[in-house]
């Protein structure tokens, strides 16, 4: 059974959703919920800047009692 990383990546959907750096945290949350995904690569001008995850949401927004619509 071939379980190499390249095989797994080749078998996955190649349509990768991304978040623009200008998007609000709330808009990212809505996209993640709609698509049932746990993370979004963050890009600006097609350059990867980082990744926004459910963990980021919990630790940097919910735990700190910040309003995601204002971030």
PDB file of N, CA and C in Angstrom:
ATOM      1  N   UNK A   1       0.847  -1.180   0.000  1.00  0.00           N
ATOM      2  CA  UNK A   1       0.000   0.000   0.000  1.00  0.00           C
ATOM      3  C   UNK A   1       0.889   1.239   0.000  1.00  0.00           C
ATOM      4  N   UNK A   2       0.703   2.114  -1.005  1.00  0.00           N
ATOM      5  CA  UNK A   2       1.498   3.331  -1.118  1.00  0.00           C
ATOM      6  C   UNK A   2       0.832   4.448  -0.321  1.00  0.00           C
ATOM      7  N   UNK A   3       1.447   4.852   0.774  1.00  0.00           N
ATOM      8  CA  UNK A   3       0.899   5.926   1.603  1.00  0.00           C
ATOM      9  C   UNK A   3       1.864   7.096   1.700  1.00  0.00           C
ATOM     10  N   UNK A   4       2.647   7.311   0.640  1.00  0.00           N
ATOM     11  CA  UNK A   4       3.590   8.425   0.663  1.00  0.00           C
ATOM     12  C   UNK A   4       2.839   9.747   0.680  1.00  0.00           C
ATOM     13  N   UNK A   5       3.506  10.771   1.173  1.00  0.00           N
ATOM     14  CA  UNK A   5       2.902  12.104   1.233  1.00  0.00           C
ATOM     15  C   UNK A   5       2.518  12.568  -0.168  1.00  0.00           C
ATOM     16  N   UNK A   6       3.390  12.346  -1.132  1.00  0.00           N
ATOM     17  CA  UNK A   6       3.085  12.788  -2.496  1.00  0.00           C
ATOM     18  C   UNK A   6       1.830  12.101  -3.033  1.00  0.00           C
ATOM     19  N   UNK A   7       1.643  10.816  -2.713  1.00  0.00           N
ATOM     20  CA  UNK A   7       0.434  10.115  -3.155  1.00  0.00           C
ATOM     21  C   UNK A   7      -0.801  10.706  -2.487  1.00  0.00           C
ATOM     22  N   UNK A   8      -0.717  10.966  -1.185  1.00  0.00           N
ATOM     23  CA  UNK A   8      -1.855  11.567  -0.487  1.00  0.00           C
ATOM     24  C   UNK A   8      -2.203  12.926  -1.065  1.00  0.00           C
ATOM     25  N   UNK A   9      -1.190  13.740  -1.334  1.00  0.00           N
ATOM     26  CA  UNK A   9      -1.437  15.065  -1.902  1.00  0.00           C
ATOM     27  C   UNK A   9      -2.007  14.977  -3.307  1.00  0.00           C
ATOM     28  N   UNK A  10      -1.536  14.029  -4.081  1.00  0.00           N
ATOM     29  CA  UNK A  10      -2.051  13.863  -5.438  1.00  0.00           C
ATOM     30  C   UNK A  10      -3.501  13.402  -5.444  1.00  0.00           C
ATOM     31  N   UNK A  11      -3.909  12.652  -4.434  1.00  0.00           N
ATOM     32  CA  UNK A  11      -5.272  12.147  -4.361  1.00  0.00           C
ATOM     33  C   UNK A  11      -6.255  13.176  -3.804  1.00  0.00           C
ATOM     34  N   UNK A  12      -5.746  14.208  -3.149  1.00  0.00           N
ATOM     35  CA  UNK A  12      -6.614  15.218  -2.544  1.00  0.00           C
ATOM     36  C   UNK A  12      -7.128  16.185  -3.597  1.00  0.00           C
ATOM     37  N   UNK A  13      -8.173  16.867  -3.255  1.00  0.00           N
ATOM     38  CA  UNK A  13      -8.710  17.930  -4.091  1.00  0.00           C
ATOM     39  C   UNK A  13      -7.651  19.024  -4.231  1.00  0.00           C
ATOM     40  N   UNK A  14      -7.394  19.457  -5.444  1.00  0.00           N
ATOM     41  CA  UNK A  14      -6.361  20.471  -5.666  1.00  0.00           C
ATOM     42  C   UNK A  14      -6.892  21.893  -5.526  1.00  0.00           C
ATOM     43  N   UNK A  15      -8.163  22.036  -5.271  1.00  0.00           N
ATOM     44  CA  UNK A  15      -8.753  23.354  -5.079  1.00  0.00           C
ATOM     45  C   UNK A  15      -8.493  23.810  -3.642  1.00  0.00           C
ATOM     46  N   UNK A  16      -7.472  24.623  -3.454  1.00  0.00           N
ATOM     47  CA  UNK A  16      -7.095  25.069  -2.113  1.00  0.00           C
ATOM     48  C   UNK A  16      -7.706  26.438  -1.857  1.00  0.00           C
ATOM     49  N   UNK A  17      -8.535  26.521  -0.838  1.00  0.00           N
ATOM     50  CA  UNK A  17      -9.117  27.802  -0.450  1.00  0.00           C
ATOM     51  C   UNK A  17      -8.079  28.599   0.315  1.00  0.00           C
ATOM     52  N   UNK A  18      -8.068  29.898   0.088  1.00  0.00           N
ATOM     53  CA  UNK A  18      -7.152  30.772   0.805  1.00  0.00           C
ATOM     54  C   UNK A  18      -7.900  31.980   1.329  1.00  0.00           C
ATOM     55  N   UNK A  19      -7.302  32.641   2.299  1.00  0.00           N
ATOM     56  CA  UNK A  19      -7.829  33.884   2.836  1.00  0.00           C
ATOM     57  C   UNK A  19      -6.880  35.007   2.430  1.00  0.00           C
ATOM     58  N   UNK A  20      -7.437  36.094   1.939  1.00  0.00           N
ATOM     59  CA  UNK A  20      -6.620  37.274   1.658  1.00  0.00           C
ATOM     60  C   UNK A  20      -6.282  37.945   2.989  1.00  0.00           C
ATOM     61  N   UNK A  21      -5.114  38.533   3.068  1.00  0.00           N
ATOM     62  CA  UNK A  21      -4.686  39.159   4.321  1.00  0.00           C
ATOM     63  C   UNK A  21      -5.616  40.293   4.744  1.00  0.00           C
ATOM     64  N   UNK A  22      -6.376  40.835   3.814  1.00  0.00           N
ATOM     65  CA  UNK A  22      -7.299  41.932   4.130  1.00  0.00           C
ATOM     66  C   UNK A  22      -8.634  41.444   4.701  1.00  0.00           C
ATOM     67  N   UNK A  23      -8.881  40.136   4.664  1.00  0.00           N
ATOM     68  CA  UNK A  23     -10.148  39.602   5.168  1.00  0.00           C
ATOM     69  C   UNK A  23     -10.211  39.708   6.693  1.00  0.00           C
ATOM     70  N   UNK A  24     -11.426  39.905   7.208  1.00  0.00           N
ATOM     71  CA  UNK A  24     -11.600  39.912   8.658  1.00  0.00           C
ATOM     72  C   UNK A  24     -11.531  38.486   9.195  1.00  0.00           C
ATOM     73  N   UNK A  25     -11.228  38.372  10.459  1.00  0.00           N
ATOM     74  CA  UNK A  25     -11.232  37.061  11.117  1.00  0.00           C
ATOM     75  C   UNK A  25     -12.613  36.433  10.977  1.00  0.00           C
ATOM     76  N   UNK A  26     -13.643  37.237  11.121  1.00  0.00           N
ATOM     77  CA  UNK A  26     -15.012  36.727  11.022  1.00  0.00           C
ATOM     78  C   UNK A  26     -15.279  36.132   9.643  1.00  0.00           C
ATOM     79  N   UNK A  27     -14.833  36.804   8.579  1.00  0.00           N
ATOM     80  CA  UNK A  27     -15.027  36.273   7.236  1.00  0.00           C
ATOM     81  C   UNK A  27     -14.282  34.953   7.046  1.00  0.00           C
ATOM     82  N   UNK A  28     -13.112  34.849   7.641  1.00  0.00           N
ATOM     83  CA  UNK A  28     -12.357  33.587   7.580  1.00  0.00           C
ATOM     84  C   UNK A  28     -13.109  32.478   8.300  1.00  0.00           C
ATOM     85  N   UNK A  29     -13.673  32.801   9.453  1.00  0.00           N
ATOM     86  CA  UNK A  29     -14.448  31.821  10.222  1.00  0.00           C
ATOM     87  C   UNK A  29     -15.649  31.341   9.413  1.00  0.00           C
ATOM     88  N   UNK A  30     -16.345  32.275   8.772  1.00  0.00           N
ATOM     89  CA  UNK A  30     -17.502  31.894   7.958  1.00  0.00           C
ATOM     90  C   UNK A  30     -17.093  30.964   6.819  1.00  0.00           C
ATOM     91  N   UNK A  31     -15.987  31.266   6.146  1.00  0.00           N
ATOM     92  CA  UNK A  31     -15.513  30.429   5.051  1.00  0.00           C
ATOM     93  C   UNK A  31     -15.138  29.037   5.566  1.00  0.00           C
ATOM     94  N   UNK A  32     -14.441  28.999   6.691  1.00  0.00           N
ATOM     95  CA  UNK A  32     -14.033  27.711   7.259  1.00  0.00           C
ATOM     96  C   UNK A  32     -15.257  26.888   7.652  1.00  0.00           C
ATOM     97  N   UNK A  33     -16.250  27.516   8.243  1.00  0.00           N
ATOM     98  CA  UNK A  33     -17.460  26.802   8.658  1.00  0.00           C
ATOM     99  C   UNK A  33     -18.237  26.300   7.444  1.00  0.00           C
ATOM    100  N   UNK A  34     -18.364  27.143   6.430  1.00  0.00           N
ATOM    101  CA  UNK A  34     -19.108  26.771   5.231  1.00  0.00           C
ATOM    102  C   UNK A  34     -18.467  25.578   4.516  1.00  0.00           C
ATOM    103  N   UNK A  35     -17.156  25.551   4.486  1.00  0.00           N
ATOM    104  CA  UNK A  35     -16.439  24.496   3.770  1.00  0.00           C
ATOM    105  C   UNK A  35     -16.003  23.346   4.676  1.00  0.00           C
ATOM    106  N   UNK A  36     -16.318  23.459   5.973  1.00  0.00           N
ATOM    107  CA  UNK A  36     -15.977  22.419   6.950  1.00  0.00           C
ATOM    108  C   UNK A  36     -14.480  22.104   6.944  1.00  0.00           C
ATOM    109  N   UNK A  37     -13.683  23.171   7.051  1.00  0.00           N
ATOM    110  CA  UNK A  37     -12.233  23.024   7.105  1.00  0.00           C
ATOM    111  C   UNK A  37     -11.709  23.689   8.372  1.00  0.00           C
ATOM    112  N   UNK A  38     -10.526  23.311   8.799  1.00  0.00           N
ATOM    113  CA  UNK A  38      -9.986  23.792  10.059  1.00  0.00           C
ATOM    114  C   UNK A  38      -8.859  24.803   9.942  1.00  0.00           C
ATOM    115  N   UNK A  39      -8.488  25.143   8.695  1.00  0.00           N
ATOM    116  CA  UNK A  39      -7.387  26.082   8.517  1.00  0.00           C
ATOM    117  C   UNK A  39      -7.449  26.701   7.128  1.00  0.00           C
ATOM    118  N   UNK A  40      -6.916  27.909   7.039  1.00  0.00           N
ATOM    119  CA  UNK A  40      -6.832  28.611   5.760  1.00  0.00           C
ATOM    120  C   UNK A  40      -5.439  29.198   5.585  1.00  0.00           C
ATOM    121  N   UNK A  41      -4.781  28.922   4.461  1.00  0.00           N
ATOM    122  CA  UNK A  41      -3.556  29.644   4.163  1.00  0.00           C
ATOM    123  C   UNK A  41      -3.911  31.120   3.944  1.00  0.00           C
ATOM    124  N   UNK A  42      -3.085  32.018   4.456  1.00  0.00           N
ATOM    125  CA  UNK A  42      -3.310  33.450   4.290  1.00  0.00           C
ATOM    126  C   UNK A  42      -2.323  33.958   3.243  1.00  0.00           C
ATOM    127  N   UNK A  43      -2.867  34.634   2.217  1.00  0.00           N
ATOM    128  CA  UNK A  43      -2.040  35.110   1.114  1.00  0.00           C
ATOM    129  C   UNK A  43      -2.254  36.599   0.865  1.00  0.00           C
ATOM    130  N   UNK A  44      -1.261  37.181   0.238  1.00  0.00           N
ATOM    131  CA  UNK A  44      -1.363  38.561  -0.232  1.00  0.00           C
ATOM    132  C   UNK A  44      -0.613  38.616  -1.554  1.00  0.00           C
ATOM    133  N   UNK A  45      -1.310  39.041  -2.607  1.00  0.00           N
ATOM    134  CA  UNK A  45      -0.721  39.073  -3.950  1.00  0.00           C
ATOM    135  C   UNK A  45      -0.124  37.717  -4.325  1.00  0.00           C
ATOM    136  N   UNK A  46      -0.864  36.660  -4.034  1.00  0.00           N
ATOM    137  CA  UNK A  46      -0.456  35.276  -4.334  1.00  0.00           C
ATOM    138  C   UNK A  46       0.809  34.830  -3.606  1.00  0.00           C
ATOM    139  N   UNK A  47       1.185  35.515  -2.547  1.00  0.00           N
ATOM    140  CA  UNK A  47       2.334  35.124  -1.731  1.00  0.00           C
ATOM    141  C   UNK A  47       1.815  34.617  -0.389  1.00  0.00           C
ATOM    142  N   UNK A  48       2.240  33.427  -0.001  1.00  0.00           N
ATOM    143  CA  UNK A  48       1.816  32.853   1.272  1.00  0.00           C
ATOM    144  C   UNK A  48       2.433  33.622   2.431  1.00  0.00           C
ATOM    145  N   UNK A  49       1.572  34.127   3.315  1.00  0.00           N
ATOM    146  CA  UNK A  49       2.039  34.862   4.497  1.00  0.00           C
ATOM    147  C   UNK A  49       2.006  34.013   5.753  1.00  0.00           C
ATOM    148  N   UNK A  50       1.103  33.039   5.793  1.00  0.00           N
ATOM    149  CA  UNK A  50       0.961  32.207   6.985  1.00  0.00           C
ATOM    150  C   UNK A  50      -0.292  31.368   6.878  1.00  0.00           C
ATOM    151  N   UNK A  51      -0.783  30.949   8.029  1.00  0.00           N
ATOM    152  CA  UNK A  51      -1.977  30.110   8.072  1.00  0.00           C
ATOM    153  C   UNK A  51      -2.828  30.521   9.270  1.00  0.00           C
ATOM    154  N   UNK A  52      -4.139  30.544   9.072  1.00  0.00           N
ATOM    155  CA  UNK A  52      -5.085  30.840  10.140  1.00  0.00           C
ATOM    156  C   UNK A  52      -5.803  29.542  10.467  1.00  0.00           C
ATOM    157  N   UNK A  53      -5.787  29.150  11.739  1.00  0.00           N
ATOM    158  CA  UNK A  53      -6.353  27.865  12.145  1.00  0.00           C
ATOM    159  C   UNK A  53      -7.442  28.036  13.206  1.00  0.00           C
ATOM    160  N   UNK A  54      -8.177  26.952  13.419  1.00  0.00           N
ATOM    161  CA  UNK A  54      -9.160  26.948  14.507  1.00  0.00           C
ATOM    162  C   UNK A  54      -8.470  27.218  15.842  1.00  0.00           C
ATOM    163  N   UNK A  55      -7.277  26.720  16.005  1.00  0.00           N
ATOM    164  CA  UNK A  55      -6.518  26.939  17.243  1.00  0.00           C
ATOM    165  C   UNK A  55      -6.211  28.427  17.425  1.00  0.00           C
ATOM    166  N   UNK A  56      -5.835  29.098  16.336  1.00  0.00           N
ATOM    167  CA  UNK A  56      -5.619  30.546  16.404  1.00  0.00           C
ATOM    168  C   UNK A  56      -6.883  31.251  16.877  1.00  0.00           C
ATOM    169  N   UNK A  57      -8.008  30.846  16.324  1.00  0.00           N
ATOM    170  CA  UNK A  57      -9.287  31.436  16.712  1.00  0.00           C
ATOM    171  C   UNK A  57      -9.527  31.273  18.207  1.00  0.00           C
ATOM    172  N   UNK A  58      -9.314  30.074  18.701  1.00  0.00           N
ATOM    173  CA  UNK A  58      -9.587  29.807  20.115  1.00  0.00           C
ATOM    174  C   UNK A  58      -8.620  30.558  21.041  1.00  0.00           C
ATOM    175  N   UNK A  59      -7.335  30.518  20.726  1.00  0.00           N
ATOM    176  CA  UNK A  59      -6.337  31.098  21.626  1.00  0.00           C
ATOM    177  C   UNK A  59      -6.177  32.610  21.491  1.00  0.00           C
ATOM    178  N   UNK A  60      -6.360  33.135  20.296  1.00  0.00           N
ATOM    179  CA  UNK A  60      -6.085  34.550  20.069  1.00  0.00           C
ATOM    180  C   UNK A  60      -7.330  35.412  19.983  1.00  0.00           C
ATOM    181  N   UNK A  61      -8.486  34.775  19.849  1.00  0.00           N
ATOM    182  CA  UNK A  61      -9.724  35.544  19.745  1.00  0.00           C
ATOM    183  C   UNK A  61     -10.657  35.202  20.903  1.00  0.00           C
ATOM    184  N   UNK A  62     -11.097  33.962  20.972  1.00  0.00           N
ATOM    185  CA  UNK A  62     -12.076  33.568  21.995  1.00  0.00           C
ATOM    186  C   UNK A  62     -11.496  33.729  23.394  1.00  0.00           C
ATOM    187  N   UNK A  63     -10.321  33.168  23.627  1.00  0.00           N
ATOM    188  CA  UNK A  63      -9.708  33.236  24.960  1.00  0.00           C
ATOM    189  C   UNK A  63      -9.478  34.676  25.410  1.00  0.00           C
ATOM    190  N   UNK A  64      -9.129  35.533  24.453  1.00  0.00           N
ATOM    191  CA  UNK A  64      -8.865  36.939  24.769  1.00  0.00           C
ATOM    192  C   UNK A  64     -10.129  37.805  24.711  1.00  0.00           C
ATOM    193  N   UNK A  65     -11.273  37.160  24.458  1.00  0.00           N
ATOM    194  CA  UNK A  65     -12.570  37.839  24.393  1.00  0.00           C
ATOM    195  C   UNK A  65     -12.584  38.988  23.388  1.00  0.00           C
ATOM    196  N   UNK A  66     -11.952  38.749  22.234  1.00  0.00           N
ATOM    197  CA  UNK A  66     -11.928  39.755  21.172  1.00  0.00           C
ATOM    198  C   UNK A  66     -13.089  39.528  20.218  1.00  0.00           C
ATOM    199  N   UNK A  67     -13.510  40.591  19.559  1.00  0.00           N
ATOM    200  CA  UNK A  67     -14.612  40.525  18.602  1.00  0.00           C
ATOM    201  C   UNK A  67     -14.050  40.193  17.223  1.00  0.00           C
ATOM    202  N   UNK A  68     -14.358  39.004  16.671  1.00  0.00           N
ATOM    203  CA  UNK A  68     -13.787  38.608  15.388  1.00  0.00           C
ATOM    204  C   UNK A  68     -14.213  39.495  14.219  1.00  0.00           C
ATOM    205  N   UNK A  69     -15.316  40.218  14.365  1.00  0.00           N
ATOM    206  CA  UNK A  69     -15.742  41.110  13.295  1.00  0.00           C
ATOM    207  C   UNK A  69     -14.888  42.376  13.247  1.00  0.00           C
ATOM    208  N   UNK A  70     -14.158  42.667  14.303  1.00  0.00           N
ATOM    209  CA  UNK A  70     -13.315  43.859  14.350  1.00  0.00           C
ATOM    210  C   UNK A  70     -11.848  43.544  14.101  1.00  0.00           C
ATOM    211  N   UNK A  71     -11.535  42.275  13.839  1.00  0.00           N
ATOM    212  CA  UNK A  71     -10.156  41.869  13.609  1.00  0.00           C
ATOM    213  C   UNK A  71      -9.914  41.580  12.147  1.00  0.00           C
TER     214      UNK A  71
END
